[in-house]
Amino acid sequence: MFLRCQRWAPALLLALAGCASTPPSAPARLGLKLAPQALGATVSVQQHLVVERAGRIDELDAALEVEASHLDLVGLAFGQRVLSLHYDGKEMTSWRHLMLPAQVRAEDVLEDMQLTLWPREAIADALPAGWRIEDSGLRRTLFLHDEAVTVIDYSAMPRWSGTVVLDNLRYRYRLTIQNAPEGS
């Protein structure tokens, strides 16, 4: 299930912390926690993630498995596990490497994953007042009071195939997810 680590920048852990940190003027994260079965599919993919923030580019390999009863994610850097997350739709358990900054929260990782992969209808039903989500072809946009907060572009369908680019306009980072082709 694990991918072989490729090249790593020593600043990866700090860059990931930047993904989760809240700019002073931004409200708290959305807090999305959808049940794994709401995905409507069983998925097992290997991914290469590239995080871009403030001119930095850092990389991480991950393995994601989603079944109706659970979701598991493992992140690897420097040849070792740095993050793992298990979610059964009710409770989430996570582990982070001691060197991973406290700002890297499993809840934020889960939220980005679900905004990226889950069906629009499942997300729309869970959004609090003032939020909405739109799909237009291979683009998904999350809005808060008619202001775009997150824009997600897909290279292919289903959403967990090909390359996915998530631009978080609120927290000012870009996450590119390259999904390994099945059977590789």
C-alpha atoms as a PDB file:
ATOM      1  CA  MET A   1       0.000   0.000   0.000  1.00  0.00           C
ATOM      2  CA  PHE A   2       2.948   2.340   0.531  1.00  0.00           C
ATOM      3  CA  LEU A   3       4.708   4.209  -2.217  1.00  0.00           C
ATOM      4  CA  ARG A   4       8.451   4.461  -2.438  1.00  0.00           C
ATOM      5  CA  CYS A   5       9.504   7.958  -1.413  1.00  0.00           C
ATOM      6  CA  GLN A   6      11.067   9.952  -4.212  1.00  0.00           C
ATOM      7  CA  ARG A   7      12.695  13.315  -3.536  1.00  0.00           C
ATOM      8  CA  TRP A   8      11.991  15.329  -0.415  1.00  0.00           C
ATOM      9  CA  ALA A   9      12.713  18.854   0.644  1.00  0.00           C
ATOM     10  CA  PRO A  10      13.618  19.201   4.318  1.00  0.00           C
ATOM     11  CA  ALA A  11      11.007  21.944   4.617  1.00  0.00           C
ATOM     12  CA  LEU A  12       8.120  19.556   3.834  1.00  0.00           C
ATOM     13  CA  LEU A  13       6.891  19.459   7.397  1.00  0.00           C
ATOM     14  CA  LEU A  14       6.834  23.239   7.616  1.00  0.00           C
ATOM     15  CA  ALA A  15       5.066  23.545   4.262  1.00  0.00           C
ATOM     16  CA  LEU A  16       2.362  21.144   5.376  1.00  0.00           C
ATOM     17  CA  ALA A  17       1.912  23.245   8.495  1.00  0.00           C
ATOM     18  CA  GLY A  18       1.308  26.222   6.229  1.00  0.00           C
ATOM     19  CA  CYS A  19      -1.601  24.387   4.614  1.00  0.00           C
ATOM     20  CA  ALA A  20      -3.430  24.151   7.883  1.00  0.00           C
ATOM     21  CA  SER A  21      -2.613  27.499   9.448  1.00  0.00           C
ATOM     22  CA  THR A  22      -5.329  30.104   9.405  1.00  0.00           C
ATOM     23  CA  PRO A  23      -4.573  33.582   8.097  1.00  0.00           C
ATOM     24  CA  PRO A  24      -5.567  36.187  10.705  1.00  0.00           C
ATOM     25  CA  SER A  25      -8.547  37.457   8.670  1.00  0.00           C
ATOM     26  CA  ALA A  26      -9.944  34.014   7.746  1.00  0.00           C
ATOM     27  CA  PRO A  27     -12.658  32.214   9.697  1.00  0.00           C
ATOM     28  CA  ALA A  28     -12.100  28.671  10.930  1.00  0.00           C
ATOM     29  CA  ARG A  29     -12.064  25.672   8.561  1.00  0.00           C
ATOM     30  CA  LEU A  30     -15.340  24.257   7.271  1.00  0.00           C
ATOM     31  CA  GLY A  31     -15.247  21.146   9.487  1.00  0.00           C
ATOM     32  CA  LEU A  32     -16.532  18.730   6.840  1.00  0.00           C
ATOM     33  CA  LYS A  33     -16.693  15.089   8.040  1.00  0.00           C
ATOM     34  CA  LEU A  34     -18.683  12.920   5.638  1.00  0.00           C
ATOM     35  CA  ALA A  35     -19.193   9.193   6.139  1.00  0.00           C
ATOM     36  CA  PRO A  36     -16.933   7.007   3.958  1.00  0.00           C
ATOM     37  CA  GLN A  37     -19.975   5.318   2.380  1.00  0.00           C
ATOM     38  CA  ALA A  38     -21.139   8.741   1.100  1.00  0.00           C
ATOM     39  CA  LEU A  39     -18.349   8.477  -1.502  1.00  0.00           C
ATOM     40  CA  GLY A  40     -20.436   5.785  -3.183  1.00  0.00           C
ATOM     41  CA  ALA A  41     -17.385   3.780  -4.288  1.00  0.00           C
ATOM     42  CA  THR A  42     -14.503   1.689  -3.035  1.00  0.00           C
ATOM     43  CA  VAL A  43     -11.187   3.367  -3.790  1.00  0.00           C
ATOM     44  CA  SER A  44      -7.591   2.277  -3.257  1.00  0.00           C
ATOM     45  CA  VAL A  45      -5.038   4.641  -4.793  1.00  0.00           C
ATOM     46  CA  GLN A  46      -1.425   5.610  -4.457  1.00  0.00           C
ATOM     47  CA  GLN A  47      -0.795   9.317  -4.732  1.00  0.00           C
ATOM     48  CA  HIS A  48       2.024  11.782  -5.081  1.00  0.00           C
ATOM     49  CA  LEU A  49       1.187  15.126  -3.475  1.00  0.00           C
ATOM     50  CA  VAL A  50       2.857  18.445  -4.213  1.00  0.00           C
ATOM     51  CA  VAL A  51       2.214  21.326  -1.820  1.00  0.00           C
ATOM     52  CA  GLU A  52       2.918  24.864  -3.028  1.00  0.00           C
ATOM     53  CA  ARG A  53       2.776  27.786  -0.616  1.00  0.00           C
ATOM     54  CA  ALA A  54       4.598  31.096  -0.468  1.00  0.00           C
ATOM     55  CA  GLY A  55       7.034  30.103  -3.221  1.00  0.00           C
ATOM     56  CA  ARG A  56       7.885  26.728  -1.640  1.00  0.00           C
ATOM     57  CA  ILE A  57       7.265  23.378  -3.282  1.00  0.00           C
ATOM     58  CA  ASP A  58       7.268  20.237  -1.141  1.00  0.00           C
ATOM     59  CA  GLU A  59       6.285  16.661  -1.923  1.00  0.00           C
ATOM     60  CA  LEU A  60       4.751  13.711  -0.127  1.00  0.00           C
ATOM     61  CA  ASP A  61       3.666  10.207  -1.156  1.00  0.00           C
ATOM     62  CA  ALA A  62       0.401   8.818   0.172  1.00  0.00           C
ATOM     63  CA  ALA A  63      -1.775   5.734   0.043  1.00  0.00           C
ATOM     64  CA  LEU A  64      -5.545   6.175   0.328  1.00  0.00           C
ATOM     65  CA  GLU A  65      -8.142   3.474   0.829  1.00  0.00           C
ATOM     66  CA  VAL A  66     -11.864   4.180   1.107  1.00  0.00           C
ATOM     67  CA  GLU A  67     -14.455   1.472   1.720  1.00  0.00           C
ATOM     68  CA  ALA A  68     -18.046   1.863   2.889  1.00  0.00           C
ATOM     69  CA  SER A  69     -17.007   1.200   6.496  1.00  0.00           C
ATOM     70  CA  HIS A  70     -13.803   3.244   6.726  1.00  0.00           C
ATOM     71  CA  LEU A  71     -11.192   5.524   5.218  1.00  0.00           C
ATOM     72  CA  ASP A  72      -7.445   5.081   5.743  1.00  0.00           C
ATOM     73  CA  LEU A  73      -4.676   7.449   4.647  1.00  0.00           C
ATOM     74  CA  VAL A  74      -0.933   7.039   5.166  1.00  0.00           C
ATOM     75  CA  GLY A  75       1.590   9.765   4.266  1.00  0.00           C
ATOM     76  CA  LEU A  76       5.288   9.063   3.738  1.00  0.00           C
ATOM     77  CA  ALA A  77       8.248  11.441   3.722  1.00  0.00           C
ATOM     78  CA  PHE A  78      11.984  10.938   4.182  1.00  0.00           C
ATOM     79  CA  GLY A  79      11.388   7.189   3.761  1.00  0.00           C
ATOM     80  CA  GLN A  80       9.127   6.940   6.782  1.00  0.00           C
ATOM     81  CA  ARG A  81       5.514   7.353   7.810  1.00  0.00           C
ATOM     82  CA  VAL A  82       4.764  10.924   8.916  1.00  0.00           C
ATOM     83  CA  LEU A  83       0.967  10.874   9.057  1.00  0.00           C
ATOM     84  CA  SER A  84      -1.807   8.318   9.233  1.00  0.00           C
ATOM     85  CA  LEU A  85      -5.525   8.755   9.548  1.00  0.00           C
ATOM     86  CA  HIS A  86      -8.418   6.323  10.054  1.00  0.00           C
ATOM     87  CA  TYR A  87     -12.030   7.474   9.869  1.00  0.00           C
ATOM     88  CA  ASP A  88     -15.116   5.274  10.179  1.00  0.00           C
ATOM     89  CA  GLY A  89     -17.694   8.021   9.654  1.00  0.00           C
ATOM     90  CA  LYS A  90     -18.087   8.612  13.386  1.00  0.00           C
ATOM     91  CA  GLU A  91     -14.648   8.683  14.944  1.00  0.00           C
ATOM     92  CA  MET A  92     -11.323   9.708  13.523  1.00  0.00           C
ATOM     93  CA  THR A  93      -8.007   8.478  14.845  1.00  0.00           C
ATOM     94  CA  SER A  94      -4.759   9.892  13.580  1.00  0.00           C
ATOM     95  CA  TRP A  95      -1.057   9.674  14.186  1.00  0.00           C
ATOM     96  CA  ARG A  96       1.548  12.241  13.239  1.00  0.00           C
ATOM     97  CA  HIS A  97       5.299  12.099  13.374  1.00  0.00           C
ATOM     98  CA  LEU A  98       6.757  14.000  16.309  1.00  0.00           C
ATOM     99  CA  MET A  99       8.491  16.358  13.859  1.00  0.00           C
ATOM    100  CA  LEU A 100       5.220  17.246  12.122  1.00  0.00           C
ATOM    101  CA  PRO A 101       4.125  20.694  13.317  1.00  0.00           C
ATOM    102  CA  ALA A 102       0.982  20.890  15.471  1.00  0.00           C
ATOM    103  CA  GLN A 103      -0.692  23.040  12.785  1.00  0.00           C
ATOM    104  CA  VAL A 104      -0.963  19.972  10.536  1.00  0.00           C
ATOM    105  CA  ARG A 105      -4.344  18.662  11.614  1.00  0.00           C
ATOM    106  CA  ALA A 106      -5.868  15.379  10.478  1.00  0.00           C
ATOM    107  CA  GLU A 107      -9.259  17.128  10.298  1.00  0.00           C
ATOM    108  CA  ASP A 108      -7.929  19.522   7.634  1.00  0.00           C
ATOM    109  CA  VAL A 109      -6.428  16.659   5.620  1.00  0.00           C
ATOM    110  CA  LEU A 110      -9.783  14.827   5.770  1.00  0.00           C
ATOM    111  CA  GLU A 111     -11.653  17.970   4.706  1.00  0.00           C
ATOM    112  CA  ASP A 112      -9.485  18.565   1.625  1.00  0.00           C
ATOM    113  CA  MET A 113      -9.768  14.889   0.712  1.00  0.00           C
ATOM    114  CA  GLN A 114     -13.547  14.903   0.976  1.00  0.00           C
ATOM    115  CA  LEU A 115     -13.958  18.221  -0.868  1.00  0.00           C
ATOM    116  CA  THR A 116     -11.877  16.719  -3.654  1.00  0.00           C
ATOM    117  CA  LEU A 117     -13.366  13.232  -3.961  1.00  0.00           C
ATOM    118  CA  TRP A 118     -16.895  13.029  -2.528  1.00  0.00           C
ATOM    119  CA  PRO A 119     -19.942  13.684  -4.735  1.00  0.00           C
ATOM    120  CA  ARG A 120     -21.190  17.271  -4.862  1.00  0.00           C
ATOM    121  CA  GLU A 121     -24.599  16.260  -3.485  1.00  0.00           C
ATOM    122  CA  ALA A 122     -23.092  14.655  -0.362  1.00  0.00           C
ATOM    123  CA  ILE A 123     -20.983  17.747   0.308  1.00  0.00           C
ATOM    124  CA  ALA A 124     -23.846  20.178  -0.395  1.00  0.00           C
ATOM    125  CA  ASP A 125     -26.096  18.385   2.111  1.00  0.00           C
ATOM    126  CA  ALA A 126     -23.451  18.785   4.841  1.00  0.00           C
ATOM    127  CA  LEU A 127     -22.540  22.438   4.265  1.00  0.00           C
ATOM    128  CA  PRO A 128     -23.455  25.009   6.930  1.00  0.00           C
ATOM    129  CA  ALA A 129     -25.490  28.108   6.083  1.00  0.00           C
ATOM    130  CA  GLY A 130     -23.715  30.518   3.732  1.00  0.00           C
ATOM    131  CA  TRP A 131     -21.700  27.806   1.960  1.00  0.00           C
ATOM    132  CA  ARG A 132     -22.369  26.248  -1.445  1.00  0.00           C
ATOM    133  CA  ILE A 133     -20.567  23.992  -3.882  1.00  0.00           C
ATOM    134  CA  GLU A 134     -20.786  23.908  -7.679  1.00  0.00           C
ATOM    135  CA  ASP A 135     -19.494  21.452 -10.266  1.00  0.00           C
ATOM    136  CA  SER A 136     -18.966  22.583 -13.844  1.00  0.00           C
ATOM    137  CA  GLY A 137     -17.358  19.961 -16.055  1.00  0.00           C
ATOM    138  CA  LEU A 138     -13.965  19.095 -14.577  1.00  0.00           C
ATOM    139  CA  ARG A 139     -14.021  22.024 -12.106  1.00  0.00           C
ATOM    140  CA  ARG A 140     -15.488  22.195  -8.612  1.00  0.00           C
ATOM    141  CA  THR A 141     -15.784  25.441  -6.653  1.00  0.00           C
ATOM    142  CA  LEU A 142     -16.626  25.944  -2.979  1.00  0.00           C
ATOM    143  CA  PHE A 143     -18.158  29.306  -2.073  1.00  0.00           C
ATOM    144  CA  LEU A 144     -18.744  31.152   1.190  1.00  0.00           C
ATOM    145  CA  HIS A 145     -21.244  33.993   0.758  1.00  0.00           C
ATOM    146  CA  ASP A 146     -20.680  33.990  -3.017  1.00  0.00           C
ATOM    147  CA  GLU A 147     -16.904  34.315  -2.634  1.00  0.00           C
ATOM    148  CA  ALA A 148     -14.857  31.447  -4.063  1.00  0.00           C
ATOM    149  CA  VAL A 149     -12.884  29.790  -1.258  1.00  0.00           C
ATOM    150  CA  THR A 150     -11.565  26.667  -2.977  1.00  0.00           C
ATOM    151  CA  VAL A 151     -11.253  25.760  -6.662  1.00  0.00           C
ATOM    152  CA  ILE A 152     -10.555  22.156  -7.644  1.00  0.00           C
ATOM    153  CA  ASP A 153      -9.635  21.107 -11.192  1.00  0.00           C
ATOM    154  CA  TYR A 154      -9.662  17.485 -12.369  1.00  0.00           C
ATOM    155  CA  SER A 155      -7.890  15.970 -15.368  1.00  0.00           C
ATOM    156  CA  ALA A 156     -10.276  12.998 -15.562  1.00  0.00           C
ATOM    157  CA  MET A 157     -13.255  11.223 -14.085  1.00  0.00           C
ATOM    158  CA  PRO A 158     -13.710   9.511 -11.728  1.00  0.00           C
ATOM    159  CA  ARG A 159     -12.198  12.193  -9.500  1.00  0.00           C
ATOM    160  CA  TRP A 160      -9.601   9.839  -7.980  1.00  0.00           C
ATOM    161  CA  SER A 161      -7.995   9.129 -11.356  1.00  0.00           C
ATOM    162  CA  GLY A 162      -5.516  11.387 -13.099  1.00  0.00           C
ATOM    163  CA  THR A 163      -4.345  14.656 -11.582  1.00  0.00           C
ATOM    164  CA  VAL A 164      -6.286  16.887  -9.197  1.00  0.00           C
ATOM    165  CA  VAL A 165      -5.302  20.489  -8.421  1.00  0.00           C
ATOM    166  CA  LEU A 166      -6.864  22.088  -5.335  1.00  0.00           C
ATOM    167  CA  ASP A 167      -6.352  25.851  -5.005  1.00  0.00           C
ATOM    168  CA  ASN A 168      -7.286  26.987  -1.512  1.00  0.00           C
ATOM    169  CA  LEU A 169      -7.800  30.724  -1.937  1.00  0.00           C
ATOM    170  CA  ARG A 170      -8.480  31.334   1.758  1.00  0.00           C
ATOM    171  CA  TYR A 171      -5.333  29.694   3.094  1.00  0.00           C
ATOM    172  CA  ARG A 172      -3.252  30.503   0.009  1.00  0.00           C
ATOM    173  CA  TYR A 173      -1.910  27.095  -0.954  1.00  0.00           C
ATOM    174  CA  ARG A 174      -2.092  24.746  -3.929  1.00  0.00           C
ATOM    175  CA  LEU A 175      -2.253  20.993  -3.526  1.00  0.00           C
ATOM    176  CA  THR A 176      -1.590  18.870  -6.623  1.00  0.00           C
ATOM    177  CA  ILE A 177      -2.506  15.208  -6.309  1.00  0.00           C
ATOM    178  CA  GLN A 178      -1.144  12.850  -8.944  1.00  0.00           C
ATOM    179  CA  ASN A 179      -2.920   9.535  -8.671  1.00  0.00           C
ATOM    180  CA  ALA A 180      -0.927   6.516  -9.815  1.00  0.00           C
ATOM    181  CA  PRO A 181      -2.655   4.557 -12.588  1.00  0.00           C
ATOM    182  CA  GLU A 182      -4.358   1.358 -11.399  1.00  0.00           C
ATOM    183  CA  GLY A 183      -2.062  -1.626 -11.470  1.00  0.00           C
ATOM    184  CA  SER A 184       1.146   0.402 -11.076  1.00  0.00           C
END
